[in-house]
Amino acid sequence: MKHSVLFVFMSMVLFLACKKENKDNQDEIPGPDYTPLLIGSYWVYDHYEIDTLGNETKLSYSDSVRVDRDTLIRGNTYYVLTGTNHPVHSQYGIVSILRDSSDYLVNHLGSILFSSENFTDILYQTNSIVDQDTLYTSSYKMEDPVNPVVVPAGTFDVLNYKGTIHITHPVNGIVNPRYIHTMFAPSVGKVLETYIFLSSPMVFEKRLNRYFINNILYPTAG
């Protein structure tokens, strides 16, 4: 088995098309916006390595992500986020293409990346197969943590898009299953994200260092 394979955090690996039915009550008061997709907004994240004893090491690189522009795809308005995305790539480019669809955050492939309402269903599940060998299976579901999250940018109440990773051939000493988290705060967006390597017991976190949410409304594409 290839132990060097990286399990990449959810924003880069979600490929399953998912759909949500429209709500019957169109007059419902909207809840807080956990994914403010306003052009000109940006987020800067520091990276940390955490060992099995909980010791943390701040890494030398960071990520900067910006809502660059909007675009029309299949008649829907999406927002193009550009920046860097360690550990997937360190070069500046498109990080994701997203839209908010009735309390669901979806990408341009239709994959659900977050929900502020659905805490019951599995929103996404997948597996990784290399040379006809399944390396891992994963599923993602929302949860509402009891405690707030503390990152350099502040303390936030969050909702967590939690991934459960079942490794088919775990290396000795590595807990199985493993869990990864992507946490969103109202009016802020993503404040914390974890990622792992299949062959390492270490956990890595991206923590929000600073951010800016633009309050200027721009015209949509088209």
C-alpha atoms as a PDB file:
ATOM      1  CA  MET A   1       0.000   0.000   0.000  1.00  0.00           C
ATOM      2  CA  LYS A   2       1.198   3.517  -0.727  1.00  0.00           C
ATOM      3  CA  HIS A   3       1.530   5.165   2.688  1.00  0.00           C
ATOM      4  CA  SER A   4       2.640   8.473   1.221  1.00  0.00           C
ATOM      5  CA  VAL A   5      -0.820   9.272  -0.072  1.00  0.00           C
ATOM      6  CA  LEU A   6      -2.218  12.458   1.410  1.00  0.00           C
ATOM      7  CA  PHE A   7      -5.764  12.676   2.650  1.00  0.00           C
ATOM      8  CA  VAL A   8      -6.680  16.160   1.531  1.00  0.00           C
ATOM      9  CA  PHE A   9      -9.137  18.300   3.438  1.00  0.00           C
ATOM     10  CA  MET A  10     -12.682  18.449   2.230  1.00  0.00           C
ATOM     11  CA  SER A  11     -12.529  21.575   0.113  1.00  0.00           C
ATOM     12  CA  MET A  12     -10.392  19.759  -2.443  1.00  0.00           C
ATOM     13  CA  VAL A  13     -11.808  16.237  -2.522  1.00  0.00           C
ATOM     14  CA  LEU A  14     -15.581  16.565  -2.670  1.00  0.00           C
ATOM     15  CA  PHE A  15     -16.747  15.366  -6.060  1.00  0.00           C
ATOM     16  CA  LEU A  16     -20.151  13.796  -5.415  1.00  0.00           C
ATOM     17  CA  ALA A  17     -23.082  15.767  -6.805  1.00  0.00           C
ATOM     18  CA  CYS A  18     -25.722  16.343  -4.140  1.00  0.00           C
ATOM     19  CA  LYS A  19     -29.042  18.152  -4.268  1.00  0.00           C
ATOM     20  CA  LYS A  20     -31.372  19.706  -1.723  1.00  0.00           C
ATOM     21  CA  GLU A  21     -35.101  20.158  -2.082  1.00  0.00           C
ATOM     22  CA  ASN A  22     -36.437  23.698  -1.890  1.00  0.00           C
ATOM     23  CA  LYS A  23     -38.096  24.690   1.364  1.00  0.00           C
ATOM     24  CA  ASP A  24     -41.880  24.903   1.333  1.00  0.00           C
ATOM     25  CA  ASN A  25     -41.946  28.053   3.445  1.00  0.00           C
ATOM     26  CA  GLN A  26     -40.378  30.781   1.334  1.00  0.00           C
ATOM     27  CA  ASP A  27     -41.190  33.431   3.982  1.00  0.00           C
ATOM     28  CA  GLU A  28     -38.985  31.861   6.651  1.00  0.00           C
ATOM     29  CA  ILE A  29     -36.649  34.343   8.332  1.00  0.00           C
ATOM     30  CA  PRO A  30     -33.095  33.570   7.173  1.00  0.00           C
ATOM     31  CA  GLY A  31     -30.587  32.355   9.733  1.00  0.00           C
ATOM     32  CA  PRO A  32     -27.062  33.689  10.221  1.00  0.00           C
ATOM     33  CA  ASP A  33     -24.759  33.611   7.201  1.00  0.00           C
ATOM     34  CA  TYR A  34     -21.936  31.146   7.872  1.00  0.00           C
ATOM     35  CA  THR A  35     -20.382  31.573   4.426  1.00  0.00           C
ATOM     36  CA  PRO A  36     -20.338  35.274   3.438  1.00  0.00           C
ATOM     37  CA  LEU A  37     -19.398  35.228  -0.241  1.00  0.00           C
ATOM     38  CA  LEU A  38     -18.862  38.948  -0.840  1.00  0.00           C
ATOM     39  CA  ILE A  39     -16.368  40.031  -3.485  1.00  0.00           C
ATOM     40  CA  GLY A  40     -13.263  41.547  -1.899  1.00  0.00           C
ATOM     41  CA  SER A  41     -13.575  39.576   1.341  1.00  0.00           C
ATOM     42  CA  TYR A  42     -10.497  37.626   2.400  1.00  0.00           C
ATOM     43  CA  TRP A  43      -9.236  35.193   5.056  1.00  0.00           C
ATOM     44  CA  VAL A  44      -5.668  34.428   6.183  1.00  0.00           C
ATOM     45  CA  TYR A  45      -4.879  31.087   7.871  1.00  0.00           C
ATOM     46  CA  ASP A  46      -1.864  29.924   9.878  1.00  0.00           C
ATOM     47  CA  HIS A  47      -0.873  26.243   9.801  1.00  0.00           C
ATOM     48  CA  TYR A  48      -0.087  24.131  12.873  1.00  0.00           C
ATOM     49  CA  GLU A  49       1.200  20.593  13.391  1.00  0.00           C
ATOM     50  CA  ILE A  50      -0.155  18.723  16.440  1.00  0.00           C
ATOM     51  CA  ASP A  51       1.476  15.516  17.695  1.00  0.00           C
ATOM     52  CA  THR A  52      -0.197  12.632  19.552  1.00  0.00           C
ATOM     53  CA  LEU A  53       0.511  14.295  22.927  1.00  0.00           C
ATOM     54  CA  GLY A  54      -1.183  17.504  21.889  1.00  0.00           C
ATOM     55  CA  ASN A  55       2.030  19.489  21.435  1.00  0.00           C
ATOM     56  CA  GLU A  56       1.627  22.192  18.792  1.00  0.00           C
ATOM     57  CA  THR A  57       4.161  23.596  16.327  1.00  0.00           C
ATOM     58  CA  LYS A  58       3.344  26.601  14.184  1.00  0.00           C
ATOM     59  CA  LEU A  59       4.509  25.973  10.627  1.00  0.00           C
ATOM     60  CA  SER A  60       6.332  28.478   8.450  1.00  0.00           C
ATOM     61  CA  TYR A  61       3.650  28.905   5.776  1.00  0.00           C
ATOM     62  CA  SER A  62       0.155  30.375   5.699  1.00  0.00           C
ATOM     63  CA  ASP A  63      -2.769  30.574   3.291  1.00  0.00           C
ATOM     64  CA  SER A  64      -4.561  33.635   1.995  1.00  0.00           C
ATOM     65  CA  VAL A  65      -7.949  33.216   0.306  1.00  0.00           C
ATOM     66  CA  ARG A  66      -9.999  35.967  -1.355  1.00  0.00           C
ATOM     67  CA  VAL A  67     -13.418  36.169  -3.000  1.00  0.00           C
ATOM     68  CA  ASP A  68     -12.136  37.368  -6.345  1.00  0.00           C
ATOM     69  CA  ARG A  69     -15.176  37.525  -8.637  1.00  0.00           C
ATOM     70  CA  ASP A  70     -18.453  35.905  -9.521  1.00  0.00           C
ATOM     71  CA  THR A  71     -19.388  33.812 -12.543  1.00  0.00           C
ATOM     72  CA  LEU A  72     -22.432  32.136 -14.058  1.00  0.00           C
ATOM     73  CA  ILE A  73     -22.518  28.323 -14.242  1.00  0.00           C
ATOM     74  CA  ARG A  74     -25.641  26.575 -15.516  1.00  0.00           C
ATOM     75  CA  GLY A  75     -27.651  29.712 -14.789  1.00  0.00           C
ATOM     76  CA  ASN A  76     -26.500  30.026 -11.165  1.00  0.00           C
ATOM     77  CA  THR A  77     -24.172  32.658  -9.719  1.00  0.00           C
ATOM     78  CA  TYR A  78     -21.017  31.213  -8.158  1.00  0.00           C
ATOM     79  CA  TYR A  79     -18.128  32.976  -6.461  1.00  0.00           C
ATOM     80  CA  VAL A  80     -14.506  32.287  -7.399  1.00  0.00           C
ATOM     81  CA  LEU A  81     -12.112  32.088  -4.431  1.00  0.00           C
ATOM     82  CA  THR A  82      -8.449  32.547  -5.265  1.00  0.00           C
ATOM     83  CA  GLY A  83      -5.294  32.239  -3.169  1.00  0.00           C
ATOM     84  CA  THR A  84      -3.071  29.452  -1.852  1.00  0.00           C
ATOM     85  CA  ASN A  85      -4.153  26.114  -0.471  1.00  0.00           C
ATOM     86  CA  HIS A  86      -1.419  24.278   1.462  1.00  0.00           C
ATOM     87  CA  PRO A  87      -0.671  21.393   1.506  1.00  0.00           C
ATOM     88  CA  VAL A  88      -2.337  20.772  -1.867  1.00  0.00           C
ATOM     89  CA  HIS A  89      -0.437  23.525  -3.640  1.00  0.00           C
ATOM     90  CA  SER A  90       1.472  26.611  -2.645  1.00  0.00           C
ATOM     91  CA  GLN A  91       1.059  28.491  -5.920  1.00  0.00           C
ATOM     92  CA  TYR A  92      -1.560  31.218  -6.178  1.00  0.00           C
ATOM     93  CA  GLY A  93      -4.641  30.121  -8.093  1.00  0.00           C
ATOM     94  CA  ILE A  94      -8.310  29.166  -7.855  1.00  0.00           C
ATOM     95  CA  VAL A  95      -9.029  27.538  -4.493  1.00  0.00           C
ATOM     96  CA  SER A  96     -12.743  26.854  -4.949  1.00  0.00           C
ATOM     97  CA  ILE A  97     -15.878  27.948  -6.810  1.00  0.00           C
ATOM     98  CA  LEU A  98     -18.872  28.198  -4.476  1.00  0.00           C
ATOM     99  CA  ARG A  99     -22.440  29.361  -4.035  1.00  0.00           C
ATOM    100  CA  ASP A 100     -24.887  29.507  -1.150  1.00  0.00           C
ATOM    101  CA  SER A 101     -27.972  27.432  -1.972  1.00  0.00           C
ATOM    102  CA  SER A 102     -30.742  27.645   0.650  1.00  0.00           C
ATOM    103  CA  ASP A 103     -28.582  27.074   3.750  1.00  0.00           C
ATOM    104  CA  TYR A 104     -26.218  24.748   1.854  1.00  0.00           C
ATOM    105  CA  LEU A 105     -22.762  25.664   0.585  1.00  0.00           C
ATOM    106  CA  VAL A 106     -22.104  23.883  -2.708  1.00  0.00           C
ATOM    107  CA  ASN A 107     -19.259  23.940  -5.195  1.00  0.00           C
ATOM    108  CA  HIS A 108     -19.461  24.148  -8.979  1.00  0.00           C
ATOM    109  CA  LEU A 109     -19.703  20.349  -9.180  1.00  0.00           C
ATOM    110  CA  GLY A 110     -22.801  20.329  -6.981  1.00  0.00           C
ATOM    111  CA  SER A 111     -21.061  18.908  -3.908  1.00  0.00           C
ATOM    112  CA  ILE A 112     -22.332  19.999  -0.498  1.00  0.00           C
ATOM    113  CA  LEU A 113     -19.550  21.491   1.635  1.00  0.00           C
ATOM    114  CA  PHE A 114     -21.613  22.770   4.560  1.00  0.00           C
ATOM    115  CA  SER A 115     -25.157  23.119   5.874  1.00  0.00           C
ATOM    116  CA  SER A 116     -26.489  25.387   8.589  1.00  0.00           C
ATOM    117  CA  GLU A 117     -29.707  23.369   8.933  1.00  0.00           C
ATOM    118  CA  ASN A 118     -29.182  19.670   8.140  1.00  0.00           C
ATOM    119  CA  PHE A 119     -27.646  17.866  11.123  1.00  0.00           C
ATOM    120  CA  THR A 120     -29.222  14.498  10.281  1.00  0.00           C
ATOM    121  CA  ASP A 121     -28.066  13.348   6.861  1.00  0.00           C
ATOM    122  CA  ILE A 122     -24.654  12.342   5.628  1.00  0.00           C
ATOM    123  CA  LEU A 123     -23.935  15.147   3.167  1.00  0.00           C
ATOM    124  CA  TYR A 124     -21.085  13.455   1.341  1.00  0.00           C
ATOM    125  CA  GLN A 125     -19.282  10.122   1.248  1.00  0.00           C
ATOM    126  CA  THR A 126     -16.496   8.786  -0.905  1.00  0.00           C
ATOM    127  CA  ASN A 127     -13.574   6.396  -1.096  1.00  0.00           C
ATOM    128  CA  SER A 128     -10.042   6.496  -2.467  1.00  0.00           C
ATOM    129  CA  ILE A 129      -8.886   3.611  -4.660  1.00  0.00           C
ATOM    130  CA  VAL A 130      -5.316   3.227  -5.916  1.00  0.00           C
ATOM    131  CA  ASP A 131      -4.298   0.209  -8.029  1.00  0.00           C
ATOM    132  CA  GLN A 132      -7.644  -1.467  -7.200  1.00  0.00           C
ATOM    133  CA  ASP A 133      -6.915  -1.116  -3.480  1.00  0.00           C
ATOM    134  CA  THR A 134      -9.239   1.006  -1.320  1.00  0.00           C
ATOM    135  CA  LEU A 135      -7.062   3.254   0.828  1.00  0.00           C
ATOM    136  CA  TYR A 136      -9.873   4.827   2.840  1.00  0.00           C
ATOM    137  CA  THR A 137     -13.574   5.600   2.922  1.00  0.00           C
ATOM    138  CA  SER A 138     -14.981   8.821   4.305  1.00  0.00           C
ATOM    139  CA  SER A 139     -18.297  10.427   5.177  1.00  0.00           C
ATOM    140  CA  TYR A 140     -19.228  13.969   6.205  1.00  0.00           C
ATOM    141  CA  LYS A 141     -21.971  15.195   8.483  1.00  0.00           C
ATOM    142  CA  MET A 142     -22.788  18.432  10.306  1.00  0.00           C
ATOM    143  CA  GLU A 143     -22.513  18.824  14.073  1.00  0.00           C
ATOM    144  CA  ASP A 144     -23.098  21.700  16.480  1.00  0.00           C
ATOM    145  CA  PRO A 145     -20.196  21.821  18.987  1.00  0.00           C
ATOM    146  CA  VAL A 146     -20.951  22.819  22.566  1.00  0.00           C
ATOM    147  CA  ASN A 147     -17.800  24.878  23.068  1.00  0.00           C
ATOM    148  CA  PRO A 148     -16.571  27.832  20.994  1.00  0.00           C
ATOM    149  CA  VAL A 149     -13.378  27.613  18.942  1.00  0.00           C
ATOM    150  CA  VAL A 150     -10.355  29.772  19.767  1.00  0.00           C
ATOM    151  CA  VAL A 151      -8.070  30.785  16.890  1.00  0.00           C
ATOM    152  CA  PRO A 152      -5.672  33.735  16.468  1.00  0.00           C
ATOM    153  CA  ALA A 153      -8.476  35.840  14.960  1.00  0.00           C
ATOM    154  CA  GLY A 154     -10.659  35.419  18.059  1.00  0.00           C
ATOM    155  CA  THR A 155     -13.182  33.153  19.774  1.00  0.00           C
ATOM    156  CA  PHE A 156     -16.119  31.945  17.693  1.00  0.00           C
ATOM    157  CA  ASP A 157     -19.259  29.871  18.048  1.00  0.00           C
ATOM    158  CA  VAL A 158     -19.171  27.460  15.128  1.00  0.00           C
ATOM    159  CA  LEU A 159     -20.872  24.705  13.188  1.00  0.00           C
ATOM    160  CA  ASN A 160     -18.643  21.782  12.229  1.00  0.00           C
ATOM    161  CA  TYR A 161     -18.595  19.890   8.928  1.00  0.00           C
ATOM    162  CA  LYS A 162     -17.108  16.697  10.385  1.00  0.00           C
ATOM    163  CA  GLY A 163     -15.429  13.986   8.335  1.00  0.00           C
ATOM    164  CA  THR A 164     -15.034  10.390   9.526  1.00  0.00           C
ATOM    165  CA  ILE A 165     -12.156   8.574   7.835  1.00  0.00           C
ATOM    166  CA  HIS A 166     -11.930   4.776   7.875  1.00  0.00           C
ATOM    167  CA  ILE A 167      -8.441   3.652   6.782  1.00  0.00           C
ATOM    168  CA  THR A 168      -8.416   0.232   5.117  1.00  0.00           C
ATOM    169  CA  HIS A 169      -4.827  -0.666   6.020  1.00  0.00           C
ATOM    170  CA  PRO A 170      -3.861   1.518   8.989  1.00  0.00           C
ATOM    171  CA  VAL A 171      -0.194   1.830   9.862  1.00  0.00           C
ATOM    172  CA  ASN A 172       0.733   0.572  13.325  1.00  0.00           C
ATOM    173  CA  GLY A 173       0.126   3.215  15.947  1.00  0.00           C
ATOM    174  CA  ILE A 174      -2.420   5.201  13.948  1.00  0.00           C
ATOM    175  CA  VAL A 175      -5.925   5.477  15.366  1.00  0.00           C
ATOM    176  CA  ASN A 176      -8.711   4.265  13.088  1.00  0.00           C
ATOM    177  CA  PRO A 177     -11.134   5.806  12.253  1.00  0.00           C
ATOM    178  CA  ARG A 178      -9.789   9.338  12.172  1.00  0.00           C
ATOM    179  CA  TYR A 179     -11.704  12.590  12.121  1.00  0.00           C
ATOM    180  CA  ILE A 180     -11.254  15.894  10.332  1.00  0.00           C
ATOM    181  CA  HIS A 181     -13.135  19.126  10.946  1.00  0.00           C
ATOM    182  CA  THR A 182     -14.083  22.230   9.014  1.00  0.00           C
ATOM    183  CA  MET A 183     -15.623  24.843  11.284  1.00  0.00           C
ATOM    184  CA  PHE A 184     -17.623  27.873  10.205  1.00  0.00           C
ATOM    185  CA  ALA A 185     -18.619  30.913  12.262  1.00  0.00           C
ATOM    186  CA  PRO A 186     -21.609  33.167  11.489  1.00  0.00           C
ATOM    187  CA  SER A 187     -20.776  36.305   9.499  1.00  0.00           C
ATOM    188  CA  VAL A 188     -17.140  35.157   9.259  1.00  0.00           C
ATOM    189  CA  GLY A 189     -16.910  31.901   7.318  1.00  0.00           C
ATOM    190  CA  LYS A 190     -14.354  29.140   7.789  1.00  0.00           C
ATOM    191  CA  VAL A 191     -12.299  29.672  10.948  1.00  0.00           C
ATOM    192  CA  LEU A 192     -10.610  26.281  11.350  1.00  0.00           C
ATOM    193  CA  GLU A 193      -9.870  23.278   9.138  1.00  0.00           C
ATOM    194  CA  THR A 194      -7.946  20.064   9.860  1.00  0.00           C
ATOM    195  CA  TYR A 195      -6.148  17.718   7.478  1.00  0.00           C
ATOM    196  CA  ILE A 196      -4.099  14.553   7.876  1.00  0.00           C
ATOM    197  CA  PHE A 197      -1.713  12.196   6.133  1.00  0.00           C
ATOM    198  CA  LEU A 198      -2.784   8.561   6.031  1.00  0.00           C
ATOM    199  CA  SER A 199       0.576   7.242   7.204  1.00  0.00           C
ATOM    200  CA  SER A 200       1.192   9.811   9.957  1.00  0.00           C
ATOM    201  CA  PRO A 201      -0.457  10.141  13.390  1.00  0.00           C
ATOM    202  CA  MET A 202       0.023  13.919  13.251  1.00  0.00           C
ATOM    203  CA  VAL A 203      -2.928  16.269  12.819  1.00  0.00           C
ATOM    204  CA  PHE A 204      -2.593  19.552  10.967  1.00  0.00           C
ATOM    205  CA  GLU A 205      -4.807  22.605  11.432  1.00  0.00           C
ATOM    206  CA  LYS A 206      -5.457  25.762   9.457  1.00  0.00           C
ATOM    207  CA  ARG A 207      -6.498  28.485  11.920  1.00  0.00           C
ATOM    208  CA  LEU A 208      -7.905  31.856  10.975  1.00  0.00           C
ATOM    209  CA  ASN A 209      -5.406  34.621  11.725  1.00  0.00           C
ATOM    210  CA  ARG A 210      -7.268  37.617  10.292  1.00  0.00           C
ATOM    211  CA  TYR A 211     -10.091  38.322   7.880  1.00  0.00           C
ATOM    212  CA  PHE A 212     -12.083  41.035   6.159  1.00  0.00           C
ATOM    213  CA  ILE A 213     -15.731  40.756   5.098  1.00  0.00           C
ATOM    214  CA  ASN A 214     -16.598  43.317   2.453  1.00  0.00           C
ATOM    215  CA  ASN A 215     -19.967  45.019   2.894  1.00  0.00           C
ATOM    216  CA  ILE A 216     -20.026  46.486  -0.617  1.00  0.00           C
ATOM    217  CA  LEU A 217     -22.487  44.741  -2.917  1.00  0.00           C
ATOM    218  CA  TYR A 218     -21.203  44.138  -6.440  1.00  0.00           C
ATOM    219  CA  PRO A 219     -23.354  43.460  -9.511  1.00  0.00           C
ATOM    220  CA  THR A 220     -23.590  39.777 -10.445  1.00  0.00           C
ATOM    221  CA  ALA A 221     -22.217  38.349 -13.657  1.00  0.00           C
ATOM    222  CA  GLY A 222     -24.349  38.313 -16.743  1.00  0.00           C
END
